[in-house]
N, C-alpha and C. Protein backbone atom coordinates (compact mmCIF):
# COMPACT_ATOMS: atom_id res chain seq x y z
N MET A 1 112.17 120.49 116.11
CA MET A 1 111.75 119.41 115.25
C MET A 1 110.61 119.87 114.33
N LYS A 2 109.72 120.74 114.83
CA LYS A 2 108.63 121.23 113.99
C LYS A 2 109.19 122.04 112.82
N ILE A 3 110.29 122.74 113.06
CA ILE A 3 110.92 123.50 111.98
C ILE A 3 111.45 122.56 110.92
N LEU A 4 112.04 121.43 111.34
CA LEU A 4 112.54 120.45 110.40
C LEU A 4 111.41 119.90 109.54
N LEU A 5 110.27 119.63 110.17
CA LEU A 5 109.11 119.12 109.45
C LEU A 5 108.61 120.14 108.44
N LEU A 6 108.56 121.40 108.84
CA LEU A 6 108.15 122.47 107.93
C LEU A 6 109.12 122.59 106.77
N CYS A 7 110.42 122.49 107.06
CA CYS A 7 111.44 122.54 106.00
C CYS A 7 111.25 121.39 105.03
N LEU A 8 110.93 120.20 105.55
CA LEU A 8 110.69 119.05 104.68
C LEU A 8 109.51 119.31 103.75
N ALA A 9 108.42 119.86 104.30
CA ALA A 9 107.25 120.16 103.46
C ALA A 9 107.61 121.17 102.38
N VAL A 10 108.41 122.19 102.73
CA VAL A 10 108.84 123.19 101.74
C VAL A 10 109.72 122.54 100.69
N ALA A 11 110.64 121.66 101.13
CA ALA A 11 111.52 120.97 100.18
C ALA A 11 110.73 120.11 99.22
N LEU A 12 109.68 119.44 99.72
CA LEU A 12 108.85 118.62 98.85
C LEU A 12 108.09 119.47 97.85
N MET A 13 107.68 120.66 98.28
CA MET A 13 106.91 121.52 97.38
C MET A 13 107.81 122.19 96.35
N PHE A 14 109.02 122.57 96.75
CA PHE A 14 109.85 123.37 95.87
C PHE A 14 111.19 122.72 95.54
N GLY A 15 111.39 121.48 95.98
CA GLY A 15 112.65 120.77 95.74
C GLY A 15 112.88 120.53 94.27
N ALA A 16 114.05 119.99 93.98
CA ALA A 16 114.43 119.74 92.59
C ALA A 16 113.49 118.73 91.96
N PRO A 17 112.65 119.15 91.01
CA PRO A 17 111.73 118.21 90.38
C PRO A 17 112.46 117.33 89.38
N THR A 18 111.84 116.21 89.04
CA THR A 18 112.40 115.38 87.99
C THR A 18 112.27 116.12 86.67
N GLU A 19 113.03 115.68 85.70
CA GLU A 19 113.00 116.34 84.39
C GLU A 19 111.59 116.36 83.81
N ALA A 20 110.85 115.26 84.01
CA ALA A 20 109.49 115.17 83.47
C ALA A 20 108.55 116.16 84.13
N HIS A 21 108.88 116.61 85.35
CA HIS A 21 108.00 117.51 86.08
C HIS A 21 108.64 118.86 86.33
N ALA A 22 109.67 119.18 85.58
CA ALA A 22 110.33 120.46 85.76
C ALA A 22 109.29 121.57 85.59
N GLY A 23 109.30 122.50 86.50
CA GLY A 23 108.36 123.61 86.43
C GLY A 23 107.02 123.33 87.07
N GLN A 24 106.77 122.09 87.46
CA GLN A 24 105.50 121.75 88.10
C GLN A 24 105.73 121.63 89.60
N LYS A 25 105.32 122.67 90.34
CA LYS A 25 105.47 122.65 91.79
C LYS A 25 104.31 121.88 92.40
N ALA A 26 104.58 121.17 93.47
CA ALA A 26 103.53 120.46 94.19
C ALA A 26 102.98 121.38 95.27
N GLU A 27 101.71 121.61 95.24
CA GLU A 27 101.03 122.38 96.28
C GLU A 27 100.31 121.37 97.16
N ILE A 28 100.72 121.28 98.42
CA ILE A 28 100.18 120.24 99.27
C ILE A 28 99.27 120.80 100.34
N THR A 29 98.31 119.99 100.75
CA THR A 29 97.41 120.28 101.86
C THR A 29 97.55 119.11 102.82
N TRP A 30 97.74 119.40 104.09
CA TRP A 30 97.89 118.29 105.02
C TRP A 30 97.08 118.51 106.28
N HIS A 31 96.66 117.42 106.87
CA HIS A 31 96.03 117.37 108.19
C HIS A 31 95.99 115.91 108.59
N ALA A 32 95.68 115.63 109.82
CA ALA A 32 95.65 114.25 110.28
C ALA A 32 94.66 113.44 109.47
N ALA A 33 94.99 112.19 109.24
CA ALA A 33 94.11 111.31 108.46
C ALA A 33 92.76 111.17 109.15
N ASP A 34 91.71 111.27 108.38
CA ASP A 34 90.36 111.14 108.93
C ASP A 34 89.79 109.75 108.74
N THR A 35 90.38 108.98 107.85
CA THR A 35 89.72 107.76 107.42
C THR A 35 90.34 106.48 107.94
N GLU A 36 91.60 106.48 108.25
CA GLU A 36 92.28 105.26 108.66
C GLU A 36 92.96 105.48 110.00
N PRO A 37 92.90 104.51 110.88
CA PRO A 37 93.65 104.64 112.13
C PRO A 37 95.15 104.56 111.85
N GLU A 38 95.89 105.37 112.55
CA GLU A 38 97.34 105.35 112.42
C GLU A 38 97.89 104.24 113.31
N THR A 39 99.08 103.75 112.99
CA THR A 39 99.74 102.77 113.86
C THR A 39 100.24 103.50 115.10
N ALA A 40 100.61 102.75 116.11
CA ALA A 40 101.14 103.36 117.34
C ALA A 40 102.39 104.19 117.04
N GLU A 41 103.24 103.67 116.16
CA GLU A 41 104.45 104.41 115.77
C GLU A 41 104.09 105.73 115.08
N GLU A 42 103.11 105.69 114.19
CA GLU A 42 102.69 106.91 113.50
C GLU A 42 102.06 107.90 114.47
N ASN A 43 101.22 107.41 115.39
CA ASN A 43 100.61 108.29 116.38
C ASN A 43 101.66 108.98 117.23
N THR A 44 102.70 108.24 117.62
CA THR A 44 103.78 108.82 118.41
C THR A 44 104.48 109.91 117.62
N ALA A 45 104.77 109.65 116.37
CA ALA A 45 105.44 110.65 115.52
C ALA A 45 104.57 111.90 115.38
N HIS A 46 103.26 111.73 115.21
CA HIS A 46 102.36 112.88 115.14
C HIS A 46 102.35 113.63 116.46
N ALA A 47 102.25 112.90 117.57
CA ALA A 47 102.19 113.53 118.89
C ALA A 47 103.49 114.28 119.20
N ASP A 48 104.61 113.77 118.70
CA ASP A 48 105.90 114.42 118.92
C ASP A 48 106.11 115.63 117.99
N GLY A 49 105.20 115.83 117.05
CA GLY A 49 105.35 116.92 116.10
C GLY A 49 106.34 116.62 115.00
N ARG A 50 106.59 115.31 114.74
CA ARG A 50 107.55 114.91 113.72
C ARG A 50 106.88 114.37 112.47
N ALA A 51 105.55 114.37 112.41
CA ALA A 51 104.87 113.74 111.28
C ALA A 51 103.71 114.59 110.78
N VAL A 52 103.45 114.45 109.49
CA VAL A 52 102.29 115.08 108.87
C VAL A 52 101.62 114.05 107.97
N ASP A 53 100.35 114.25 107.74
CA ASP A 53 99.60 113.48 106.76
C ASP A 53 99.17 114.46 105.68
N ILE A 54 99.46 114.11 104.45
CA ILE A 54 99.13 114.96 103.30
C ILE A 54 97.96 114.31 102.57
N ASN A 55 96.87 115.06 102.44
CA ASN A 55 95.67 114.52 101.83
C ASN A 55 95.44 115.00 100.40
N GLU A 56 96.06 116.12 100.04
CA GLU A 56 95.91 116.66 98.69
C GLU A 56 97.26 117.10 98.16
N VAL A 57 97.43 116.94 96.86
CA VAL A 57 98.61 117.45 96.16
C VAL A 57 98.08 118.21 94.95
N ASN A 58 98.47 119.46 94.84
CA ASN A 58 97.97 120.33 93.75
C ASN A 58 96.45 120.32 93.68
N LYS A 59 95.84 120.37 94.85
CA LYS A 59 94.38 120.42 95.00
C LYS A 59 93.66 119.19 94.46
N MET A 60 94.42 118.10 94.30
CA MET A 60 93.82 116.83 93.89
C MET A 60 93.98 115.85 95.04
N PRO A 61 92.94 115.14 95.40
CA PRO A 61 93.04 114.18 96.49
C PRO A 61 94.10 113.11 96.20
N VAL A 62 94.88 112.77 97.22
CA VAL A 62 95.89 111.73 97.09
C VAL A 62 95.24 110.41 96.68
N ARG A 63 94.01 110.18 97.11
CA ARG A 63 93.31 108.93 96.79
C ARG A 63 93.16 108.71 95.29
N PHE A 64 93.23 109.79 94.50
CA PHE A 64 93.14 109.65 93.05
C PHE A 64 94.20 108.69 92.51
N ALA A 65 95.32 108.56 93.21
CA ALA A 65 96.41 107.69 92.74
C ALA A 65 95.98 106.24 92.61
N VAL A 66 95.02 105.82 93.43
CA VAL A 66 94.58 104.43 93.41
C VAL A 66 93.08 104.26 93.20
N ASP A 67 92.38 105.35 92.94
CA ASP A 67 90.93 105.32 92.76
C ASP A 67 90.60 105.01 91.30
N PRO A 68 90.06 103.83 91.02
CA PRO A 68 89.76 103.49 89.63
C PRO A 68 88.68 104.36 89.00
N THR A 69 87.90 105.08 89.81
CA THR A 69 86.87 105.95 89.27
C THR A 69 87.39 107.36 88.98
N ALA A 70 88.62 107.65 89.41
CA ALA A 70 89.21 108.98 89.14
C ALA A 70 89.54 109.07 87.65
N PRO A 71 89.45 110.26 87.08
CA PRO A 71 89.83 110.42 85.68
C PRO A 71 91.28 109.96 85.48
N GLU A 72 91.52 109.25 84.41
CA GLU A 72 92.83 108.65 84.16
C GLU A 72 93.96 109.68 84.18
N ASP A 73 93.73 110.87 83.58
CA ASP A 73 94.78 111.88 83.55
C ASP A 73 95.10 112.39 84.95
N LYS A 74 94.09 112.56 85.79
CA LYS A 74 94.33 113.02 87.16
C LYS A 74 94.99 111.91 87.99
N ARG A 75 94.56 110.67 87.77
CA ARG A 75 95.17 109.55 88.48
C ARG A 75 96.66 109.49 88.18
N GLU A 76 97.02 109.61 86.91
CA GLU A 76 98.43 109.54 86.54
C GLU A 76 99.21 110.77 87.02
N THR A 77 98.58 111.93 87.01
CA THR A 77 99.23 113.15 87.53
C THR A 77 99.56 112.98 89.00
N VAL A 78 98.61 112.51 89.80
CA VAL A 78 98.85 112.32 91.23
C VAL A 78 99.92 111.25 91.45
N ARG A 79 99.86 110.17 90.69
CA ARG A 79 100.87 109.11 90.82
C ARG A 79 102.26 109.66 90.53
N ASN A 80 102.39 110.47 89.50
CA ASN A 80 103.69 111.06 89.16
C ASN A 80 104.19 111.99 90.26
N LEU A 81 103.29 112.79 90.82
CA LEU A 81 103.68 113.68 91.92
C LEU A 81 104.12 112.88 93.14
N LEU A 82 103.41 111.81 93.45
CA LEU A 82 103.78 110.97 94.59
C LEU A 82 105.13 110.28 94.35
N ARG A 83 105.37 109.84 93.13
CA ARG A 83 106.67 109.23 92.81
C ARG A 83 107.79 110.26 93.00
N ASN A 84 107.55 111.48 92.55
CA ASN A 84 108.55 112.54 92.70
C ASN A 84 108.81 112.84 94.18
N MET A 85 107.74 112.92 94.97
CA MET A 85 107.89 113.15 96.41
C MET A 85 108.72 112.04 97.04
N GLU A 86 108.42 110.80 96.68
CA GLU A 86 109.16 109.67 97.24
C GLU A 86 110.63 109.71 96.84
N MET A 87 110.90 110.09 95.62
CA MET A 87 112.28 110.18 95.16
C MET A 87 113.06 111.21 96.00
N VAL A 88 112.44 112.36 96.27
CA VAL A 88 113.07 113.39 97.09
C VAL A 88 113.30 112.86 98.51
N VAL A 89 112.30 112.20 99.07
CA VAL A 89 112.37 111.68 100.43
C VAL A 89 113.47 110.62 100.56
N ARG A 90 113.60 109.76 99.57
CA ARG A 90 114.61 108.70 99.62
C ARG A 90 116.03 109.28 99.72
N ARG A 91 116.22 110.47 99.23
CA ARG A 91 117.55 111.12 99.31
C ARG A 91 117.74 111.88 100.62
N ASP A 92 116.67 112.09 101.37
CA ASP A 92 116.73 112.90 102.59
C ASP A 92 116.85 112.00 103.82
N VAL A 93 118.05 111.95 104.41
CA VAL A 93 118.28 111.06 105.55
C VAL A 93 117.59 111.55 106.82
N ASN A 94 116.94 112.70 106.78
CA ASN A 94 116.19 113.20 107.93
C ASN A 94 114.76 112.68 107.95
N VAL A 95 114.33 111.99 106.91
CA VAL A 95 112.98 111.41 106.87
C VAL A 95 113.06 109.97 107.31
N GLN A 96 112.31 109.64 108.36
CA GLN A 96 112.32 108.28 108.88
C GLN A 96 111.30 107.39 108.17
N VAL A 97 110.11 107.94 107.90
CA VAL A 97 109.05 107.14 107.26
C VAL A 97 108.36 107.98 106.20
N PHE A 98 108.13 107.38 105.04
CA PHE A 98 107.31 107.96 103.98
C PHE A 98 106.43 106.84 103.47
N ILE A 99 105.11 107.03 103.54
CA ILE A 99 104.18 106.03 103.00
C ILE A 99 103.09 106.75 102.22
N SER A 100 102.91 106.35 100.97
CA SER A 100 101.85 106.88 100.12
C SER A 100 101.02 105.69 99.64
N PRO A 101 99.97 105.93 98.86
CA PRO A 101 99.20 104.80 98.35
C PRO A 101 99.98 103.92 97.37
N ILE A 102 101.09 104.46 96.82
CA ILE A 102 101.79 103.71 95.78
C ILE A 102 103.23 103.34 96.13
N GLY A 103 103.72 103.74 97.27
CA GLY A 103 105.09 103.39 97.64
C GLY A 103 105.46 103.96 98.98
N GLY A 104 106.57 103.48 99.49
CA GLY A 104 107.01 104.01 100.76
C GLY A 104 108.28 103.36 101.25
N VAL A 105 108.84 103.97 102.28
CA VAL A 105 110.12 103.53 102.78
C VAL A 105 110.23 103.83 104.27
N HIS A 106 110.95 102.97 104.98
CA HIS A 106 111.27 103.18 106.38
C HIS A 106 112.79 103.25 106.49
N ARG A 107 113.27 104.24 107.22
CA ARG A 107 114.71 104.44 107.38
C ARG A 107 115.10 104.09 108.82
N ASP A 108 116.26 103.45 108.97
CA ASP A 108 116.78 103.11 110.29
C ASP A 108 117.22 104.38 111.01
N PRO A 109 116.69 104.66 112.21
CA PRO A 109 117.05 105.89 112.90
C PRO A 109 118.53 105.95 113.32
N LYS A 110 119.17 104.81 113.48
CA LYS A 110 120.57 104.81 113.90
C LYS A 110 121.52 105.00 112.73
N THR A 111 121.35 104.20 111.68
CA THR A 111 122.26 104.27 110.54
C THR A 111 121.79 105.28 109.49
N ARG A 112 120.50 105.62 109.55
CA ARG A 112 119.84 106.49 108.58
C ARG A 112 119.81 105.89 107.17
N GLY A 113 120.09 104.61 107.08
CA GLY A 113 119.97 103.90 105.82
C GLY A 113 118.56 103.36 105.66
N ILE A 114 118.21 102.99 104.43
CA ILE A 114 116.89 102.42 104.17
C ILE A 114 116.79 101.08 104.90
N LEU A 115 115.81 100.97 105.76
CA LEU A 115 115.60 99.76 106.54
C LEU A 115 114.74 98.77 105.76
N ARG A 116 113.63 99.30 105.20
CA ARG A 116 112.73 98.43 104.42
C ARG A 116 111.77 99.27 103.60
N GLU A 117 111.17 98.62 102.62
CA GLU A 117 110.12 99.22 101.82
C GLU A 117 108.79 99.09 102.56
N ALA A 118 107.85 99.94 102.27
CA ALA A 118 106.52 99.85 102.87
C ALA A 118 105.85 98.55 102.42
N THR A 119 105.10 97.96 103.31
CA THR A 119 104.38 96.74 102.99
C THR A 119 103.10 97.07 102.23
N GLN A 120 102.52 96.06 101.60
CA GLN A 120 101.25 96.28 100.91
C GLN A 120 100.17 96.70 101.90
N ALA A 121 100.19 96.14 103.10
CA ALA A 121 99.21 96.54 104.12
C ALA A 121 99.36 98.02 104.46
N GLU A 122 100.59 98.51 104.53
CA GLU A 122 100.81 99.94 104.81
C GLU A 122 100.32 100.81 103.65
N LEU A 123 100.60 100.36 102.42
CA LEU A 123 100.12 101.11 101.25
C LEU A 123 98.60 101.16 101.25
N ASP A 124 97.96 100.04 101.55
CA ASP A 124 96.50 99.97 101.58
C ASP A 124 95.93 100.89 102.67
N ALA A 125 96.59 100.93 103.82
CA ALA A 125 96.12 101.78 104.92
C ALA A 125 96.28 103.26 104.61
N HIS A 126 97.18 103.59 103.68
CA HIS A 126 97.43 104.99 103.30
C HIS A 126 96.86 105.28 101.91
N TRP A 127 95.74 104.69 101.60
CA TRP A 127 95.12 104.83 100.28
C TRP A 127 94.68 106.26 99.98
N ASP A 128 94.48 107.07 101.03
CA ASP A 128 93.96 108.42 100.79
C ASP A 128 94.87 109.53 101.32
N HIS A 129 96.06 109.17 101.76
CA HIS A 129 96.97 110.20 102.26
C HIS A 129 98.41 109.71 102.23
N VAL A 130 99.31 110.66 102.37
CA VAL A 130 100.74 110.38 102.50
C VAL A 130 101.12 110.66 103.95
N HIS A 131 101.88 109.76 104.52
CA HIS A 131 102.39 109.95 105.88
C HIS A 131 103.89 110.18 105.77
N ILE A 132 104.37 111.27 106.37
CA ILE A 132 105.80 111.56 106.41
C ILE A 132 106.19 111.84 107.86
N ALA A 133 107.22 111.15 108.33
CA ALA A 133 107.74 111.37 109.68
C ALA A 133 109.24 111.63 109.59
N THR A 134 109.70 112.61 110.34
CA THR A 134 111.13 112.91 110.37
C THR A 134 111.79 112.15 111.52
N MET A 135 113.10 112.18 111.54
CA MET A 135 113.87 111.53 112.60
C MET A 135 113.62 112.24 113.93
N GLU A 136 113.84 111.52 115.02
CA GLU A 136 113.70 112.12 116.36
C GLU A 136 114.83 113.07 116.62
């Protein structure tokens, strides 16, 4: 399962970018979230080695996506990168949960179809990182 998670991170970094971001690779830095408590489901996924928290994309903090004090160009750059990551994840049936400050999705582990969109409370709790969990 750890190999699957590593493959997912590689796919997000080097996967097919959108036309607007062609040639722009995402360089990610990840570690467990320091600022927000994870839900029980997220903690289980981390403990099982199926989840990562990404705090930086291209050496820019993920929080820039929603930080009104961040420079506008960096805020929009991070938002575009997060949108691209989410687009890739939505096509990958091996990803169970993806939550960023600006969007997210939960996939049904049985059908592997989209179960629901992330709630505003989940987006708010992930204001400074992206949470990605793969299927069991």
